[in-house]
Amino acid sequence: MRSIRKALVSAFGFGAFVAGFLFVFKPFGLHALPAGLGLVCLSYGGITTGGMLFMQLLWPRFFPTFYAEEGWTVGREITHTMANIVLIAAGNLAYTHAKGFIALSAGNYLLFLGITLVVGGFPVVVGVLLRQNAYQRKYLAQSQRYNTQLDRQQQLVPTGSLEVEEAPASAKIDDSITLQEEAGGKVFRCLASELLALEAADNYIKLHLHQTDPHKAPFRKTELLRLSLNAAEKALAHHKAYFRCHRSWLVKLDALEKVEGNARGYRLHLQGMKETVPVSRSRIEAFQERMEMVNRGH
């Protein structure tokens, strides 16, 4: 869900905030401590940091479906945050009990849950909402700029419904794509102009094709190959138009018709395809760089 670097920054940053807040304001009876206030505050901050690191780096491994990037929403992030607060409250209670300040009981846990909510819950939830709103504005503005860029390119080189004229035999050889199934299985060949996207499907890849025949109307079809998307990406490495935008998708940017932006990032509309293709957050920066290169004419 998040990179390790971002997880470390947010966990240590918030832990430092908690330690500093407790040391400066001395709430919840901390002002009555006879000695060692600094160490106690650092300990609570460390518990906060440890809880956040566990929830961000380890917990998602137990619930991969819930934390799947394509299904991530504001509601799920707030749920994740609340679970984090529940864990940190338990850690704070255990530490306080170990110091001999309080007994273990359901009532005391509820007390520490409330304290943790007061200190960290409100700013975290507000931060989630503000961050999602910022992402929404950012990706929406950028998608609008990309769509203007795509409209301008389509006016210069009309693509219509992806119909293409029959190319000379030599051009077809140069522009051809060959993919072979694993273990020497069947060989699939087509023109690069026909292959719009490749989608991972368990142990197969689904090829999304828009084929043209001089004697028939253009038509859409899909083809299954027993091949990994990673292997297909390597086979297509010399075709610079193809871009890995998601762990499950490899798309042809030349066929990009529209970019939809929202708080989760981008979804791509390809000419001739009803499906929209997600851009994973880990690939957003690379996608933006590719779009800038296209805009500069490289």
Protein backbone atom coordinates (compact mmCIF):
# COMPACT_ATOMS: atom_id res chain seq x y z
CA MET A 1 0.00 0.00 0.00
CA ARG A 2 2.76 2.42 0.91
CA SER A 3 6.46 2.42 0.18
CA ILE A 4 8.83 1.54 3.01
CA ARG A 5 10.31 5.03 2.93
CA LYS A 6 6.92 6.71 3.33
CA ALA A 7 5.97 4.28 6.09
CA LEU A 8 9.16 5.07 8.01
CA VAL A 9 8.73 8.82 7.60
CA SER A 10 5.10 8.83 8.72
CA ALA A 11 5.64 6.40 11.63
CA PHE A 12 8.68 8.15 13.10
CA GLY A 13 7.18 11.57 12.40
CA PHE A 14 3.96 10.77 14.21
CA GLY A 15 5.82 9.06 17.05
CA ALA A 16 7.90 12.19 17.51
CA PHE A 17 4.74 14.30 17.49
CA VAL A 18 3.17 12.15 20.24
CA ALA A 19 6.31 12.26 22.38
CA GLY A 20 6.64 16.01 21.96
CA PHE A 21 2.95 16.65 22.64
CA LEU A 22 3.04 14.64 25.86
CA PHE A 23 6.29 16.23 27.04
CA VAL A 24 5.17 19.80 26.39
CA PHE A 25 1.56 19.66 27.61
CA LYS A 26 1.88 16.86 30.22
CA PRO A 27 -1.78 15.76 29.95
CA PHE A 28 -3.48 12.78 31.63
CA GLY A 29 -1.59 13.19 34.91
CA LEU A 30 1.91 13.16 33.42
CA HIS A 31 2.72 16.39 35.25
CA ALA A 32 2.59 14.42 38.51
CA LEU A 33 5.44 12.08 37.57
CA PRO A 34 8.25 12.47 40.09
CA ALA A 35 11.01 11.88 37.50
CA GLY A 36 11.76 10.39 34.11
CA LEU A 37 9.10 12.31 32.16
CA GLY A 38 11.26 12.49 29.04
CA LEU A 39 11.85 8.73 28.92
CA VAL A 40 8.15 7.99 29.50
CA CYS A 41 7.14 10.33 26.66
CA LEU A 42 9.74 8.80 24.35
CA SER A 43 8.38 5.36 25.23
CA TYR A 44 4.84 6.33 24.28
CA GLY A 45 6.19 7.83 21.06
CA GLY A 46 8.10 4.60 20.37
CA ILE A 47 4.95 2.54 20.91
CA THR A 48 3.16 4.78 18.40
CA THR A 49 5.97 4.35 15.87
CA GLY A 50 6.09 0.58 16.33
CA GLY A 51 2.32 0.22 15.99
CA MET A 52 2.25 2.29 12.80
CA LEU A 53 5.12 0.34 11.24
CA PHE A 54 3.41 -2.95 12.04
CA MET A 55 0.11 -1.78 10.54
CA GLN A 56 1.70 -0.31 7.42
CA LEU A 57 4.35 -2.90 6.59
CA LEU A 58 3.26 -6.23 8.10
CA TRP A 59 -0.52 -6.16 8.67
CA PRO A 60 -1.43 -5.77 4.96
CA ARG A 61 0.29 -9.11 4.27
CA PHE A 62 -2.42 -10.86 6.30
CA PHE A 63 -5.28 -9.15 4.43
CA PRO A 64 -4.06 -8.61 0.84
CA THR A 65 -7.58 -8.33 -0.58
CA PHE A 66 -8.57 -5.51 1.77
CA TYR A 67 -5.33 -3.65 1.04
CA ALA A 68 -5.41 -4.22 -2.73
CA GLU A 69 -4.38 -0.97 -4.36
CA GLU A 70 -7.13 -0.96 -6.99
CA GLY A 71 -9.81 -1.13 -4.28
CA TRP A 72 -8.30 1.39 -1.87
CA THR A 73 -10.72 4.09 -0.75
CA VAL A 74 -10.98 6.85 1.86
CA GLY A 75 -13.21 4.56 3.94
CA ARG A 76 -10.62 1.78 3.93
CA GLU A 77 -7.84 4.18 4.90
CA ILE A 78 -9.90 5.50 7.83
CA THR A 79 -10.67 1.89 8.88
CA HIS A 80 -6.96 1.12 8.71
CA THR A 81 -6.24 4.21 10.82
CA MET A 82 -8.80 3.22 13.45
CA ALA A 83 -7.28 -0.28 13.66
CA ASN A 84 -3.91 1.38 14.15
CA ILE A 85 -5.29 3.42 17.04
CA VAL A 86 -6.77 0.29 18.66
CA LEU A 87 -3.36 -1.40 18.50
CA ILE A 88 -1.46 1.62 19.84
CA ALA A 89 -3.93 1.99 22.72
CA ALA A 90 -3.28 -1.65 23.69
CA GLY A 91 0.47 -1.03 23.57
CA ASN A 92 0.15 2.11 25.69
CA LEU A 93 -1.93 0.29 28.31
CA ALA A 94 0.56 -2.60 28.46
CA TYR A 95 3.49 -0.20 28.90
CA THR A 96 1.68 1.83 31.56
CA HIS A 97 0.79 -1.36 33.44
CA ALA A 98 4.42 -2.54 33.21
CA LYS A 99 5.51 0.75 34.78
CA GLY A 100 3.14 0.04 37.67
CA PHE A 101 0.90 3.07 37.00
CA ILE A 102 -2.36 1.29 36.21
CA ALA A 103 -4.05 -2.12 36.33
CA LEU A 104 -5.06 -4.16 33.30
CA SER A 105 -8.83 -4.03 32.82
CA ALA A 106 -11.43 -3.44 30.10
CA GLY A 107 -12.29 -0.08 31.64
CA ASN A 108 -8.68 1.07 31.58
CA TYR A 109 -8.31 -0.10 28.00
CA LEU A 110 -11.31 2.01 27.01
CA LEU A 111 -9.69 4.91 28.86
CA PHE A 112 -6.46 4.50 26.89
CA LEU A 113 -8.41 4.07 23.66
CA GLY A 114 -10.06 7.41 24.30
CA ILE A 115 -6.72 9.04 25.14
CA THR A 116 -5.16 7.67 21.95
CA LEU A 117 -8.10 8.93 19.93
CA VAL A 118 -7.81 12.39 21.47
CA VAL A 119 -4.07 12.65 20.86
CA GLY A 120 -3.85 10.99 17.45
CA GLY A 121 -7.21 10.05 15.99
CA PHE A 122 -8.59 13.41 14.99
CA PRO A 123 -5.44 14.78 13.30
CA VAL A 124 -4.89 11.47 11.49
CA VAL A 125 -8.43 11.28 10.10
CA VAL A 126 -8.33 14.94 9.08
CA GLY A 127 -4.96 14.27 7.45
CA VAL A 128 -6.41 11.34 5.48
CA LEU A 129 -9.28 13.47 4.19
CA LEU A 130 -7.00 16.38 3.30
CA ARG A 131 -4.55 14.08 1.54
CA GLN A 132 -7.29 12.39 -0.48
CA ASN A 133 -8.70 15.79 -1.44
CA ALA A 134 -5.25 16.93 -2.55
CA TYR A 135 -4.80 13.74 -4.62
CA GLN A 136 -8.23 14.30 -6.19
CA ARG A 137 -7.36 17.85 -7.27
CA LYS A 138 -3.87 16.91 -8.43
CA TYR A 139 -4.79 13.89 -10.55
CA LEU A 140 -7.91 15.53 -11.95
CA ALA A 141 -5.93 18.59 -13.09
CA GLN A 142 -3.18 16.46 -14.60
CA SER A 143 -5.65 14.17 -16.38
CA GLN A 144 -7.34 17.21 -17.92
CA ARG A 145 -3.96 18.40 -19.18
CA TYR A 146 -3.19 14.97 -20.63
CA ASN A 147 -6.60 14.85 -22.34
CA THR A 148 -5.96 18.25 -23.94
CA GLN A 149 -2.63 16.91 -25.13
CA LEU A 150 -4.26 13.76 -26.54
CA ASP A 151 -6.97 15.76 -28.30
CA ARG A 152 -4.33 17.91 -29.94
CA GLN A 153 -2.39 14.85 -31.11
CA GLN A 154 -5.53 13.17 -32.46
CA GLN A 155 -6.36 16.30 -34.45
CA LEU A 156 -2.90 16.20 -36.00
CA VAL A 157 -3.00 12.45 -36.65
CA PRO A 158 -6.63 11.25 -36.70
CA THR A 159 -6.99 7.72 -35.40
CA GLY A 160 -10.74 7.32 -35.67
CA SER A 161 -11.78 3.81 -34.72
CA LEU A 162 -8.22 2.47 -35.04
CA GLU A 163 -8.76 1.43 -38.65
CA VAL A 164 -5.46 1.17 -40.47
CA GLU A 165 -4.52 0.74 -44.08
CA GLU A 166 -2.96 -2.52 -45.07
CA ALA A 167 0.79 -2.08 -44.74
CA PRO A 168 3.41 -3.40 -47.14
CA ALA A 169 4.82 -6.82 -46.32
CA SER A 170 8.17 -5.37 -45.24
CA ALA A 171 6.47 -2.97 -42.82
CA LYS A 172 4.40 -5.80 -41.36
CA ILE A 173 7.58 -7.73 -40.64
CA ASP A 174 9.20 -4.74 -38.91
CA ASP A 175 6.03 -3.92 -36.96
CA SER A 176 5.11 -7.46 -36.05
CA ILE A 177 4.78 -8.91 -32.55
CA THR A 178 5.60 -12.51 -31.68
CA LEU A 179 4.75 -14.07 -28.32
CA GLN A 180 5.36 -17.71 -27.49
CA GLU A 181 3.78 -19.66 -24.66
CA GLU A 182 5.92 -21.16 -21.93
CA ALA A 183 7.63 -24.51 -22.46
CA GLY A 184 7.66 -24.09 -26.21
CA GLY A 185 3.89 -23.80 -26.57
CA LYS A 186 1.97 -22.14 -29.35
CA VAL A 187 3.29 -19.02 -31.05
CA PHE A 188 1.06 -15.97 -31.46
CA ARG A 189 1.76 -13.28 -34.05
CA CYS A 190 0.05 -9.98 -34.84
CA LEU A 191 0.85 -6.42 -35.87
CA ALA A 192 1.77 -3.92 -33.18
CA SER A 193 -1.07 -1.74 -34.47
CA GLU A 194 -3.52 -4.51 -33.48
CA LEU A 195 -2.38 -5.20 -29.90
CA LEU A 196 -3.92 -2.64 -27.53
CA ALA A 197 -3.19 -4.14 -24.11
CA LEU A 198 -2.11 -7.25 -22.24
CA GLU A 199 -3.84 -8.27 -19.01
CA ALA A 200 -2.68 -10.82 -16.44
CA ALA A 201 -5.21 -13.63 -15.93
CA ASP A 202 -3.94 -16.19 -13.40
CA ASN A 203 -1.35 -18.28 -15.27
CA TYR A 204 -2.29 -16.68 -18.59
CA ILE A 205 -2.27 -13.31 -20.24
CA LYS A 206 -5.27 -11.93 -22.09
CA LEU A 207 -4.39 -10.07 -25.27
CA HIS A 208 -6.82 -7.27 -26.14
CA LEU A 209 -6.76 -6.94 -29.91
CA HIS A 210 -8.33 -4.65 -32.47
CA GLN A 211 -7.83 -6.41 -35.77
CA THR A 212 -8.35 -5.08 -39.25
CA ASP A 213 -8.91 -7.04 -42.41
CA PRO A 214 -9.17 -5.31 -45.82
CA HIS A 215 -12.11 -7.61 -46.66
CA LYS A 216 -14.01 -7.25 -43.34
CA ALA A 217 -15.08 -4.58 -40.87
CA PRO A 218 -12.64 -4.00 -38.00
CA PHE A 219 -13.39 -6.15 -34.97
CA ARG A 220 -12.36 -6.61 -31.34
CA LYS A 221 -11.25 -9.89 -29.87
CA THR A 222 -9.20 -11.32 -27.03
CA GLU A 223 -6.68 -14.13 -27.06
CA LEU A 224 -5.37 -16.18 -24.11
CA LEU A 225 -1.75 -17.26 -23.91
CA ARG A 226 -0.14 -19.35 -21.19
CA LEU A 227 2.54 -16.80 -20.41
CA SER A 228 3.37 -14.46 -17.54
CA LEU A 229 2.96 -10.72 -17.98
CA ASN A 230 6.60 -10.24 -16.95
CA ALA A 231 7.73 -12.51 -19.78
CA ALA A 232 5.48 -10.70 -22.25
CA GLU A 233 6.86 -7.35 -21.10
CA LYS A 234 10.41 -8.54 -21.82
CA ALA A 235 9.35 -9.80 -25.25
CA LEU A 236 7.85 -6.39 -26.05
CA ALA A 237 10.74 -4.35 -24.66
CA HIS A 238 11.81 -3.18 -28.13
CA HIS A 239 8.29 -1.85 -28.82
CA LYS A 240 8.60 1.45 -26.96
CA ALA A 241 4.88 2.24 -27.12
CA TYR A 242 4.03 -0.45 -24.54
CA PHE A 243 4.02 0.61 -20.90
CA ARG A 244 3.57 -1.42 -17.70
CA CYS A 245 1.03 0.71 -15.83
CA HIS A 246 -0.04 -1.90 -13.26
CA ARG A 247 1.06 -5.31 -12.04
CA SER A 248 -1.80 -6.76 -14.11
CA TRP A 249 -1.70 -4.51 -17.18
CA LEU A 250 0.64 -3.64 -20.03
CA VAL A 251 -0.85 -1.06 -22.41
CA LYS A 252 -0.03 0.60 -25.70
CA LEU A 253 0.15 4.34 -25.04
CA ASP A 254 -0.25 5.08 -28.74
CA ALA A 255 -3.84 3.86 -28.35
CA LEU A 256 -4.54 6.08 -25.33
CA GLU A 257 -7.74 8.05 -25.88
CA LYS A 258 -8.53 9.57 -22.49
CA VAL A 259 -7.08 9.76 -18.96
CA GLU A 260 -9.46 9.78 -16.01
CA GLY A 261 -8.07 11.24 -12.76
CA ASN A 262 -9.37 10.77 -9.22
CA ALA A 263 -8.03 10.50 -5.65
CA ARG A 264 -6.71 6.99 -6.35
CA GLY A 265 -4.70 8.06 -9.38
CA TYR A 266 -5.46 7.46 -13.06
CA ARG A 267 -7.59 5.17 -15.17
CA LEU A 268 -6.79 4.86 -18.87
CA HIS A 269 -9.30 4.68 -21.72
CA LEU A 270 -7.86 2.99 -24.80
CA GLN A 271 -9.38 3.36 -28.24
CA GLY A 272 -11.45 0.32 -29.09
CA MET A 273 -11.62 -1.00 -25.51
CA LYS A 274 -14.61 -0.82 -23.18
CA GLU A 275 -12.50 -1.71 -20.14
CA THR A 276 -10.65 1.05 -18.33
CA VAL A 277 -7.14 0.28 -17.15
CA PRO A 278 -5.81 1.41 -13.74
CA VAL A 279 -2.42 3.00 -13.16
CA SER A 280 -1.07 1.74 -9.85
CA ARG A 281 0.29 4.31 -7.41
CA SER A 282 3.75 2.78 -7.67
CA ARG A 283 3.68 3.49 -11.44
CA ILE A 284 2.15 6.98 -11.39
CA GLU A 285 5.50 8.78 -11.51
CA ALA A 286 6.71 6.63 -14.41
CA PHE A 287 3.42 7.22 -16.24
CA GLN A 288 3.73 10.98 -15.78
CA GLU A 289 7.28 10.88 -17.12
CA ARG A 290 6.14 8.95 -20.19
CA MET A 291 3.34 11.42 -20.84
CA GLU A 292 5.78 14.33 -20.55
CA MET A 293 8.08 12.61 -23.05
CA VAL A 294 5.18 12.19 -25.47
CA ASN A 295 4.28 15.85 -25.01
CA ARG A 296 7.85 16.85 -25.87
CA GLY A 297 7.72 14.66 -28.96
CA HIS A 298 10.25 12.02 -27.83
